[in-house]
C-alpha atoms as a PDB file:
ATOM      1  CA  MET A   1     117.275  67.821 190.680  1.00  0.00           C
ATOM      2  CA  CYS A   2     115.984  70.541 193.049  1.00  0.00           C
ATOM      3  CA  GLY A   3     118.019  73.667 193.735  1.00  0.00           C
ATOM      4  CA  ILE A   4     119.140  75.075 197.078  1.00  0.00           C
ATOM      5  CA  ILE A   5     120.709  78.366 198.104  1.00  0.00           C
ATOM      6  CA  GLY A   6     121.529  79.772 201.517  1.00  0.00           C
ATOM      7  CA  LEU A   7     123.298  82.885 202.780  1.00  0.00           C
ATOM      8  CA  HIS A   8     124.441  83.516 206.359  1.00  0.00           C
ATOM      9  CA  LEU A   9     125.809  87.026 206.925  1.00  0.00           C
ATOM     10  CA  ARG A  10     128.578  87.404 209.478  1.00  0.00           C
ATOM     11  CA  ASP A  11     128.965  91.147 208.861  1.00  0.00           C
ATOM     12  CA  PRO A  12     126.008  93.189 210.223  1.00  0.00           C
ATOM     13  CA  ASP A  13     126.818  95.959 207.745  1.00  0.00           C
ATOM     14  CA  MET A  14     125.677  93.657 204.920  1.00  0.00           C
ATOM     15  CA  GLN A  15     122.183  93.013 206.252  1.00  0.00           C
ATOM     16  CA  GLY A  16     120.584  95.580 203.965  1.00  0.00           C
ATOM     17  CA  GLN A  17     121.902  93.587 200.974  1.00  0.00           C
ATOM     18  CA  LEU A  18     120.472  90.211 201.968  1.00  0.00           C
ATOM     19  CA  GLY A  19     117.531  90.232 199.565  1.00  0.00           C
ATOM     20  CA  GLU A  20     119.487  91.539 196.592  1.00  0.00           C
ATOM     21  CA  LEU A  21     122.170  88.909 197.092  1.00  0.00           C
ATOM     22  CA  MET A  22     119.631  86.112 197.487  1.00  0.00           C
ATOM     23  CA  ALA A  23     117.744  87.193 194.374  1.00  0.00           C
ATOM     24  CA  GLU A  24     120.976  87.016 192.361  1.00  0.00           C
ATOM     25  CA  MET A  25     121.772  83.603 193.833  1.00  0.00           C
ATOM     26  CA  LEU A  26     118.292  82.302 193.032  1.00  0.00           C
ATOM     27  CA  GLN A  27     118.822  82.892 189.324  1.00  0.00           C
ATOM     28  CA  GLY A  28     121.600  80.316 189.418  1.00  0.00           C
ATOM     29  CA  ILE A  29     119.285  77.472 190.492  1.00  0.00           C
ATOM     30  CA  VAL A  30     116.070  78.184 188.579  1.00  0.00           C
ATOM     31  CA  GLY A  31     116.886  75.491 186.026  1.00  0.00           C
ATOM     32  CA  ARG A  32     117.068  72.882 188.774  1.00  0.00           C
ATOM     33  CA  GLY A  33     113.457  73.370 189.865  1.00  0.00           C
ATOM     34  CA  PRO A  34     110.822  75.053 187.694  1.00  0.00           C
ATOM     35  CA  ASP A  35     107.732  73.796 189.578  1.00  0.00           C
ATOM     36  CA  SER A  36     107.681  75.947 192.702  1.00  0.00           C
ATOM     37  CA  ALA A  37     109.846  77.916 195.099  1.00  0.00           C
ATOM     38  CA  GLY A  38     110.014  78.867 198.743  1.00  0.00           C
ATOM     39  CA  VAL A  39     112.044  81.319 200.786  1.00  0.00           C
ATOM     40  CA  ALA A  40     112.819  81.844 204.466  1.00  0.00           C
ATOM     41  CA  VAL A  41     114.223  85.210 205.575  1.00  0.00           C
ATOM     42  CA  TYR A  42     115.654  85.866 209.026  1.00  0.00           C
ATOM     43  CA  GLY A  43     115.967  89.286 210.636  1.00  0.00           C
ATOM     44  CA  ASP A  44     113.873  91.534 208.378  1.00  0.00           C
ATOM     45  CA  ARG A  45     112.513  93.941 210.986  1.00  0.00           C
ATOM     46  CA  LYS A  46     110.247  95.686 208.495  1.00  0.00           C
ATOM     47  CA  ARG A  47     108.394  92.410 207.977  1.00  0.00           C
ATOM     48  CA  CYS A  48     108.599  91.215 211.596  1.00  0.00           C
ATOM     49  CA  PRO A  49     109.386  94.069 214.024  1.00  0.00           C
ATOM     50  CA  GLU A  50     111.434  93.602 217.165  1.00  0.00           C
ATOM     51  CA  GLY A  51     109.256  92.160 219.924  1.00  0.00           C
ATOM     52  CA  PHE A  52     106.809  90.616 217.435  1.00  0.00           C
ATOM     53  CA  SER A  53     106.406  87.103 216.049  1.00  0.00           C
ATOM     54  CA  ALA A  54     105.384  86.030 212.566  1.00  0.00           C
ATOM     55  CA  VAL A  55     103.379  83.065 211.370  1.00  0.00           C
ATOM     56  CA  SER A  56     103.184  82.064 207.693  1.00  0.00           C
ATOM     57  CA  LEU A  57      99.962  80.326 206.627  1.00  0.00           C
ATOM     58  CA  LEU A  58      98.500  78.499 203.660  1.00  0.00           C
ATOM     59  CA  HIS A  59      94.727  78.354 203.059  1.00  0.00           C
ATOM     60  CA  ALA A  60      94.050  81.534 205.048  1.00  0.00           C
ATOM     61  CA  GLN A  61      91.576  84.102 203.756  1.00  0.00           C
ATOM     62  CA  PRO A  62      91.812  87.903 204.069  1.00  0.00           C
ATOM     63  CA  GLY A  63      90.503  89.080 207.426  1.00  0.00           C
ATOM     64  CA  VAL A  64      91.944  86.222 209.493  1.00  0.00           C
ATOM     65  CA  GLY A  65      94.095  88.720 211.372  1.00  0.00           C
ATOM     66  CA  ALA A  66      91.043  90.150 213.117  1.00  0.00           C
ATOM     67  CA  ALA A  67      89.870  86.679 214.136  1.00  0.00           C
ATOM     68  CA  VAL A  68      93.297  85.871 215.548  1.00  0.00           C
ATOM     69  CA  ALA A  69      93.466  89.218 217.368  1.00  0.00           C
ATOM     70  CA  GLU A  70      90.265  88.372 219.234  1.00  0.00           C
ATOM     71  CA  ARG A  71      92.172  85.504 220.818  1.00  0.00           C
ATOM     72  CA  LEU A  72      95.125  87.716 221.740  1.00  0.00           C
ATOM     73  CA  PRO A  73      93.674  90.281 224.154  1.00  0.00           C
ATOM     74  CA  GLY A  74      95.983  93.131 225.005  1.00  0.00           C
ATOM     75  CA  THR A  75      98.446  92.535 222.176  1.00  0.00           C
ATOM     76  CA  GLY A  76      97.057  95.034 219.677  1.00  0.00           C
ATOM     77  CA  ALA A  77      96.257  94.449 216.028  1.00  0.00           C
ATOM     78  CA  VAL A  78      97.409  91.412 214.100  1.00  0.00           C
ATOM     79  CA  GLU A  79      98.882  92.597 210.809  1.00  0.00           C
ATOM     80  CA  GLU A  80      98.237  90.702 207.567  1.00  0.00           C
ATOM     81  CA  ASP A  81     100.456  90.474 204.493  1.00  0.00           C
ATOM     82  CA  ARG A  82      99.125  88.283 201.678  1.00  0.00           C
ATOM     83  CA  VAL A  83     101.816  87.166 199.225  1.00  0.00           C
ATOM     84  CA  GLY A  84     100.467  84.728 196.643  1.00  0.00           C
ATOM     85  CA  ASP A  85      99.636  81.449 198.382  1.00  0.00           C
ATOM     86  CA  THR A  86     101.119  82.625 201.687  1.00  0.00           C
ATOM     87  CA  MET A  87      99.483  84.770 204.349  1.00  0.00           C
ATOM     88  CA  VAL A  88     101.881  86.229 206.916  1.00  0.00           C
ATOM     89  CA  LEU A  89     100.482  87.401 210.256  1.00  0.00           C
ATOM     90  CA  THR A  90     102.563  89.397 212.728  1.00  0.00           C
ATOM     91  CA  ALA A  91     101.629  90.187 216.312  1.00  0.00           C
ATOM     92  CA  GLN A  92     103.232  91.345 219.540  1.00  0.00           C
ATOM     93  CA  ALA A  93     103.132  87.909 221.130  1.00  0.00           C
ATOM     94  CA  SER A  94     105.417  84.915 221.537  1.00  0.00           C
ATOM     95  CA  PRO A  95     105.497  82.376 218.685  1.00  0.00           C
ATOM     96  CA  GLU A  96     103.792  79.765 220.861  1.00  0.00           C
ATOM     97  CA  VAL A  97     100.972  82.111 221.914  1.00  0.00           C
ATOM     98  CA  LEU A  98     100.485  83.321 218.344  1.00  0.00           C
ATOM     99  CA  SER A  99     100.345  79.797 216.913  1.00  0.00           C
ATOM    100  CA  THR A 100      97.809  78.732 219.550  1.00  0.00           C
ATOM    101  CA  ALA A 101      95.594  81.688 218.642  1.00  0.00           C
ATOM    102  CA  VAL A 102      95.891  80.871 214.929  1.00  0.00           C
ATOM    103  CA  ALA A 103      94.920  77.232 215.510  1.00  0.00           C
ATOM    104  CA  ALA A 104      91.819  78.334 217.401  1.00  0.00           C
ATOM    105  CA  ALA A 105      90.801  81.087 214.976  1.00  0.00           C
ATOM    106  CA  VAL A 106      91.561  79.439 211.619  1.00  0.00           C
ATOM    107  CA  PRO A 107      91.865  75.664 212.102  1.00  0.00           C
ATOM    108  CA  GLU A 108      91.663  75.109 208.343  1.00  0.00           C
ATOM    109  CA  ALA A 109      94.907  77.043 207.750  1.00  0.00           C
ATOM    110  CA  LYS A 110      98.295  75.326 207.643  1.00  0.00           C
ATOM    111  CA  VAL A 111     101.207  76.875 209.485  1.00  0.00           C
ATOM    112  CA  VAL A 112     104.306  76.764 207.257  1.00  0.00           C
ATOM    113  CA  GLY A 113     106.555  79.085 209.245  1.00  0.00           C
ATOM    114  CA  LEU A 114     106.731  80.450 212.788  1.00  0.00           C
ATOM    115  CA  GLY A 115     109.379  82.522 214.512  1.00  0.00           C
ATOM    116  CA  GLU A 116     110.490  85.710 216.206  1.00  0.00           C
ATOM    117  CA  ASP A 117     112.580  86.901 213.261  1.00  0.00           C
ATOM    118  CA  MET A 118     111.815  84.408 210.464  1.00  0.00           C
ATOM    119  CA  ILE A 119     109.256  84.710 207.667  1.00  0.00           C
ATOM    120  CA  VAL A 120     108.526  81.904 205.186  1.00  0.00           C
ATOM    121  CA  TYR A 121     106.929  82.225 201.739  1.00  0.00           C
ATOM    122  CA  LYS A 122     105.854  79.214 199.656  1.00  0.00           C
ATOM    123  CA  GLY A 123     104.132  78.989 196.288  1.00  0.00           C
ATOM    124  CA  VAL A 124     103.737  77.247 192.934  1.00  0.00           C
ATOM    125  CA  GLY A 125     105.037  78.721 189.701  1.00  0.00           C
ATOM    126  CA  ASN A 126     108.178  80.063 188.071  1.00  0.00           C
ATOM    127  CA  PRO A 127     110.733  80.752 190.832  1.00  0.00           C
ATOM    128  CA  LEU A 128     111.716  84.139 189.425  1.00  0.00           C
ATOM    129  CA  ASP A 129     108.085  85.256 189.299  1.00  0.00           C
ATOM    130  CA  LEU A 130     107.622  84.037 192.850  1.00  0.00           C
ATOM    131  CA  ALA A 131     110.725  85.934 193.982  1.00  0.00           C
ATOM    132  CA  GLU A 132     109.087  89.108 192.657  1.00  0.00           C
ATOM    133  CA  ALA A 133     105.873  88.293 194.498  1.00  0.00           C
ATOM    134  CA  TYR A 134     107.847  87.687 197.703  1.00  0.00           C
ATOM    135  CA  ARG A 135     109.572  91.082 197.242  1.00  0.00           C
ATOM    136  CA  LEU A 136     112.804  89.200 197.764  1.00  0.00           C
ATOM    137  CA  ARG A 137     115.072  91.987 196.532  1.00  0.00           C
ATOM    138  CA  ASP A 138     113.622  94.296 199.186  1.00  0.00           C
ATOM    139  CA  ALA A 139     114.356  91.884 202.042  1.00  0.00           C
ATOM    140  CA  SER A 140     116.938  92.633 204.685  1.00  0.00           C
ATOM    141  CA  GLY A 141     118.271  90.525 207.526  1.00  0.00           C
ATOM    142  CA  TRP A 142     121.135  88.287 208.565  1.00  0.00           C
ATOM    143  CA  GLN A 143     120.225  84.964 206.957  1.00  0.00           C
ATOM    144  CA  GLY A 144     118.095  83.458 204.227  1.00  0.00           C
ATOM    145  CA  ILE A 145     117.481  80.241 202.314  1.00  0.00           C
ATOM    146  CA  ALA A 146     115.565  79.377 199.167  1.00  0.00           C
ATOM    147  CA  HIS A 147     114.603  76.269 197.218  1.00  0.00           C
ATOM    148  CA  THR A 148     113.449  75.593 193.678  1.00  0.00           C
ATOM    149  CA  ARG A 149     111.596  72.320 193.285  1.00  0.00           C
ATOM    150  CA  MET A 150     111.314  69.671 190.595  1.00  0.00           C
ATOM    151  CA  ALA A 151     108.718  67.360 192.124  1.00  0.00           C
ATOM    152  CA  THR A 152     109.484  63.649 191.971  1.00  0.00           C
ATOM    153  CA  GLU A 153     107.551  61.966 194.795  1.00  0.00           C
ATOM    154  CA  SER A 154     104.630  64.173 195.810  1.00  0.00           C
ATOM    155  CA  ALA A 155     102.170  66.674 194.364  1.00  0.00           C
ATOM    156  CA  ILE A 156     103.131  70.048 192.956  1.00  0.00           C
ATOM    157  CA  ASN A 157     101.392  72.326 195.411  1.00  0.00           C
ATOM    158  CA  ALA A 158     102.265  74.922 198.012  1.00  0.00           C
ATOM    159  CA  GLU A 159     102.222  72.326 200.794  1.00  0.00           C
ATOM    160  CA  GLY A 160     104.973  70.394 199.008  1.00  0.00           C
ATOM    161  CA  CYS A 161     107.218  73.423 198.569  1.00  0.00           C
ATOM    162  CA  HIS A 162     110.367  73.836 200.583  1.00  0.00           C
ATOM    163  CA  PRO A 163     111.485  75.133 203.007  1.00  0.00           C
ATOM    164  CA  PHE A 164     109.746  72.952 205.533  1.00  0.00           C
ATOM    165  CA  SER A 165     109.562  74.995 208.707  1.00  0.00           C
ATOM    166  CA  VAL A 166     108.001  72.896 211.452  1.00  0.00           C
ATOM    167  CA  GLY A 167     109.641  74.266 214.594  1.00  0.00           C
ATOM    168  CA  VAL A 168     109.977  77.814 215.893  1.00  0.00           C
ATOM    169  CA  GLY A 169     112.575  79.484 213.694  1.00  0.00           C
ATOM    170  CA  VAL A 170     113.686  76.223 212.050  1.00  0.00           C
ATOM    171  CA  SER A 171     113.689  75.713 208.262  1.00  0.00           C
ATOM    172  CA  LEU A 172     114.959  72.841 206.112  1.00  0.00           C
ATOM    173  CA  VAL A 173     115.516  72.581 202.361  1.00  0.00           C
ATOM    174  CA  HIS A 174     116.389  69.333 200.605  1.00  0.00           C
ATOM    175  CA  ASN A 175     117.668  68.047 197.300  1.00  0.00           C
ATOM    176  CA  GLY A 176     117.242  64.289 196.986  1.00  0.00           C
ATOM    177  CA  SER A 177     115.004  61.673 198.571  1.00  0.00           C
ATOM    178  CA  PHE A 178     114.681  59.672 201.761  1.00  0.00           C
ATOM    179  CA  SER A 179     113.967  56.004 201.026  1.00  0.00           C
ATOM    180  CA  ASN A 180     112.801  55.099 204.552  1.00  0.00           C
ATOM    181  CA  HIS A 181     110.693  58.190 205.252  1.00  0.00           C
ATOM    182  CA  ALA A 182     107.488  56.161 205.741  1.00  0.00           C
ATOM    183  CA  THR A 183     109.053  54.146 208.568  1.00  0.00           C
ATOM    184  CA  ILE A 184     110.391  57.245 210.325  1.00  0.00           C
ATOM    185  CA  ARG A 185     107.061  59.037 209.822  1.00  0.00           C
ATOM    186  CA  ARG A 186     105.306  56.234 211.709  1.00  0.00           C
ATOM    187  CA  GLU A 187     107.880  56.374 214.497  1.00  0.00           C
ATOM    188  CA  LEU A 188     107.386  60.126 214.887  1.00  0.00           C
ATOM    189  CA  GLN A 189     103.596  59.767 214.775  1.00  0.00           C
ATOM    190  CA  ARG A 190     103.813  57.321 217.667  1.00  0.00           C
ATOM    191  CA  LYS A 191     105.564  60.099 219.589  1.00  0.00           C
ATOM    192  CA  GLY A 192     102.664  62.472 218.843  1.00  0.00           C
ATOM    193  CA  VAL A 193     104.195  64.322 215.894  1.00  0.00           C
ATOM    194  CA  THR A 194     101.643  65.380 213.254  1.00  0.00           C
ATOM    195  CA  PHE A 195     102.232  65.940 209.538  1.00  0.00           C
ATOM    196  CA  ASP A 196     100.807  68.351 206.958  1.00  0.00           C
ATOM    197  CA  SER A 197     101.872  66.650 203.713  1.00  0.00           C
ATOM    198  CA  GLN A 198     103.079  63.395 202.182  1.00  0.00           C
ATOM    199  CA  ASN A 199     106.423  64.950 201.260  1.00  0.00           C
ATOM    200  CA  ASP A 200     109.478  63.002 202.429  1.00  0.00           C
ATOM    201  CA  THR A 201     111.258  66.275 203.211  1.00  0.00           C
ATOM    202  CA  GLU A 202     108.686  67.063 205.882  1.00  0.00           C
ATOM    203  CA  VAL A 203     109.712  63.855 207.658  1.00  0.00           C
ATOM    204  CA  GLY A 204     113.304  65.080 207.780  1.00  0.00           C
ATOM    205  CA  ALA A 205     112.210  68.504 209.009  1.00  0.00           C
ATOM    206  CA  ARG A 206     109.982  67.052 211.728  1.00  0.00           C
ATOM    207  CA  TYR A 207     112.763  64.699 212.800  1.00  0.00           C
ATOM    208  CA  VAL A 208     115.220  67.599 213.194  1.00  0.00           C
ATOM    209  CA  ALA A 209     112.669  69.793 214.990  1.00  0.00           C
ATOM    210  CA  ASN A 210     111.864  66.930 217.359  1.00  0.00           C
ATOM    211  CA  ARG A 211     115.541  66.404 218.175  1.00  0.00           C
ATOM    212  CA  LEU A 212     116.017  70.118 218.795  1.00  0.00           C
ATOM    213  CA  SER A 213     112.978  70.163 221.110  1.00  0.00           C
ATOM    214  CA  GLU A 214     114.575  67.314 223.079  1.00  0.00           C
ATOM    215  CA  GLY A 215     117.739  69.336 223.655  1.00  0.00           C
ATOM    216  CA  ASP A 216     120.050  68.537 220.740  1.00  0.00           C
ATOM    217  CA  ASP A 217     121.957  71.341 219.087  1.00  0.00           C
ATOM    218  CA  LEU A 218     121.667  71.593 215.296  1.00  0.00           C
ATOM    219  CA  GLU A 219     124.879  69.706 214.546  1.00  0.00           C
ATOM    220  CA  THR A 220     123.949  66.822 216.860  1.00  0.00           C
ATOM    221  CA  ALA A 221     120.452  66.606 215.369  1.00  0.00           C
ATOM    222  CA  LEU A 222     121.861  66.307 211.854  1.00  0.00           C
ATOM    223  CA  ILE A 223     124.392  63.673 212.888  1.00  0.00           C
ATOM    224  CA  ALA A 224     121.478  61.659 214.275  1.00  0.00           C
ATOM    225  CA  LEU A 225     119.520  62.171 211.054  1.00  0.00           C
ATOM    226  CA  GLY A 226     122.429  60.732 209.084  1.00  0.00           C
ATOM    227  CA  GLU A 227     122.355  57.628 211.267  1.00  0.00           C
ATOM    228  CA  GLU A 228     118.578  57.124 210.917  1.00  0.00           C
ATOM    229  CA  PHE A 229     117.721  58.157 207.347  1.00  0.00           C
ATOM    230  CA  ASP A 230     118.522  56.244 204.166  1.00  0.00           C
ATOM    231  CA  GLY A 231     118.664  57.862 200.749  1.00  0.00           C
ATOM    232  CA  PHE A 232     120.554  60.401 198.681  1.00  0.00           C
ATOM    233  CA  TYR A 233     120.371  63.970 199.897  1.00  0.00           C
ATOM    234  CA  THR A 234     121.864  67.378 200.465  1.00  0.00           C
ATOM    235  CA  LEU A 235     120.260  69.328 203.298  1.00  0.00           C
ATOM    236  CA  LEU A 236     120.549  72.942 204.390  1.00  0.00           C
ATOM    237  CA  VAL A 237     118.977  73.674 207.788  1.00  0.00           C
ATOM    238  CA  THR A 238     118.672  77.068 209.440  1.00  0.00           C
ATOM    239  CA  THR A 239     117.599  78.186 212.899  1.00  0.00           C
ATOM    240  CA  GLU A 240     117.342  81.566 214.622  1.00  0.00           C
ATOM    241  CA  ASN A 241     121.010  81.256 215.554  1.00  0.00           C
ATOM    242  CA  GLY A 242     122.539  78.828 213.063  1.00  0.00           C
ATOM    243  CA  PHE A 243     123.141  77.499 209.548  1.00  0.00           C
ATOM    244  CA  ALA A 244     124.169  73.913 208.716  1.00  0.00           C
ATOM    245  CA  VAL A 245     124.833  71.755 205.644  1.00  0.00           C
ATOM    246  CA  VAL A 246     125.030  67.964 205.400  1.00  0.00           C
ATOM    247  CA  ARG A 247     125.147  65.380 202.610  1.00  0.00           C
ATOM    248  CA  ASP A 248     124.569  61.639 202.761  1.00  0.00           C
ATOM    249  CA  GLU A 249     127.445  59.148 202.818  1.00  0.00           C
ATOM    250  CA  ILE A 250     127.377  58.733 199.011  1.00  0.00           C
ATOM    251  CA  ALA A 251     127.140  62.486 198.334  1.00  0.00           C
ATOM    252  CA  CYS A 252     125.814  62.231 194.801  1.00  0.00           C
ATOM    253  CA  LYS A 253     123.651  65.346 195.152  1.00  0.00           C
ATOM    254  CA  PRO A 254     125.599  68.510 194.325  1.00  0.00           C
ATOM    255  CA  ALA A 255     126.591  71.121 196.875  1.00  0.00           C
ATOM    256  CA  ILE A 256     129.236  73.805 197.140  1.00  0.00           C
ATOM    257  CA  VAL A 257     130.044  76.045 200.091  1.00  0.00           C
ATOM    258  CA  ALA A 258     131.793  79.415 200.019  1.00  0.00           C
ATOM    259  CA  GLU A 259     133.161  80.747 203.307  1.00  0.00           C
ATOM    260  CA  HIS A 260     134.222  84.393 203.568  1.00  0.00           C
ATOM    261  CA  PRO A 261     135.047  86.525 206.629  1.00  0.00           C
ATOM    262  CA  ARG A 262     131.848  88.512 205.984  1.00  0.00           C
ATOM    263  CA  TRP A 263     129.499  85.655 205.030  1.00  0.00           C
ATOM    264  CA  VAL A 264     128.942  81.931 204.459  1.00  0.00           C
ATOM    265  CA  ALA A 265     126.964  80.715 201.445  1.00  0.00           C
ATOM    266  CA  MET A 266     125.849  77.371 200.074  1.00  0.00           C
ATOM    267  CA  ALA A 267     124.316  76.432 196.725  1.00  0.00           C
ATOM    268  CA  SER A 268     123.629  73.520 194.426  1.00  0.00           C
ATOM    269  CA  GLU A 269     125.525  75.259 191.615  1.00  0.00           C
ATOM    270  CA  PHE A 270     128.628  77.466 191.668  1.00  0.00           C
ATOM    271  CA  GLN A 271     126.925  79.925 189.318  1.00  0.00           C
ATOM    272  CA  ALA A 272     124.592  80.813 192.202  1.00  0.00           C
ATOM    273  CA  LEU A 273     127.629  81.967 194.206  1.00  0.00           C
ATOM    274  CA  ALA A 274     129.613  83.643 191.444  1.00  0.00           C
ATOM    275  CA  LYS A 275     128.358  87.208 192.024  1.00  0.00           C
ATOM    276  CA  LEU A 276     128.675  87.315 195.806  1.00  0.00           C
ATOM    277  CA  PRO A 277     130.912  90.187 196.941  1.00  0.00           C
ATOM    278  CA  GLY A 278     134.428  88.924 197.573  1.00  0.00           C
ATOM    279  CA  ILE A 279     133.803  85.482 196.069  1.00  0.00           C
ATOM    280  CA  ASP A 280     137.352  85.476 194.676  1.00  0.00           C
ATOM    281  CA  GLU A 281     138.635  85.721 198.272  1.00  0.00           C
ATOM    282  CA  ALA A 282     136.320  83.031 199.703  1.00  0.00           C
ATOM    283  CA  ARG A 283     137.266  79.474 200.591  1.00  0.00           C
ATOM    284  CA  LEU A 284     135.334  77.235 198.227  1.00  0.00           C
ATOM    285  CA  PHE A 285     134.772  73.569 198.965  1.00  0.00           C
ATOM    286  CA  GLU A 286     132.475  70.654 198.292  1.00  0.00           C
ATOM    287  CA  PRO A 287     131.069  69.277 201.573  1.00  0.00           C
ATOM    288  CA  GLU A 288     132.482  65.859 202.411  1.00  0.00           C
ATOM    289  CA  PRO A 289     130.110  62.870 202.507  1.00  0.00           C
ATOM    290  CA  GLY A 290     128.331  62.404 205.818  1.00  0.00           C
ATOM    291  CA  ARG A 291     129.956  65.389 207.532  1.00  0.00           C
ATOM    292  CA  VAL A 292     127.921  68.162 209.160  1.00  0.00           C
ATOM    293  CA  TYR A 293     129.135  71.725 208.603  1.00  0.00           C
ATOM    294  CA  ALA A 294     127.604  74.243 211.015  1.00  0.00           C
ATOM    295  CA  TRP A 295     127.976  77.947 211.693  1.00  0.00           C
ATOM    296  CA  LYS A 296     126.489  79.969 214.540  1.00  0.00           C
ATOM    297  CA  ARG A 297     125.348  83.562 214.634  1.00  0.00           C
END
């Protein structure tokens, strides 16, 4: 019953509108998931300046930026932005270097987002209230996704919120369930992959991130997921250069895509798309079962 929205802007002139458009879209899926909500925003250079990386954390206390900075000599200050359950740190370092410093400085914190132009926010509560806390309407950038959750198989907490972002710049949101997630979790653990929650969606996210790290492109990784995972699902996956949608072979979970020369959007409900500029000129379609639809920046 969860809700998904995603917006990929093809027209750079629209990047200042990203947050406003996403906030309007979010209102169309609130009824599908009242428990919690998460957002990933790509390309907001006020939140993550050019040449910087951002890491989103849960269970991090104020002042962690200074502790992380001590492990990043020569990079300058590490900026903190606390938004509800999420602490965002930005620093002039690569994502890998920043995440290593975070692990050393605050091992109790959980990394829920890491990238050079991506910021993730996750929290429990009414999605519209959380959107205000995330300052979603003020966001700019070239791409964003959001998820409203109705929990069915794991706890209602920030760790269980979507998106699951477990690779650099990679985020995944999910409506549905994977019936064989425990088996695939064990297979990934044997390969050295670690997990932060019991959520089945995290298994899908870690599977995709692992495939990408092994050299797959996003479309190939999602084709492989469809061959390995059982269940009923709609997935939206974003990277720092792409946007992809896939449904299982039964396709009982709702999804609609709108493709316009200036943008591509996806949602669980048409009402989430209805106010997008030029929607009457867009190509609207329901994704076919088992087919991956992918767009690149």
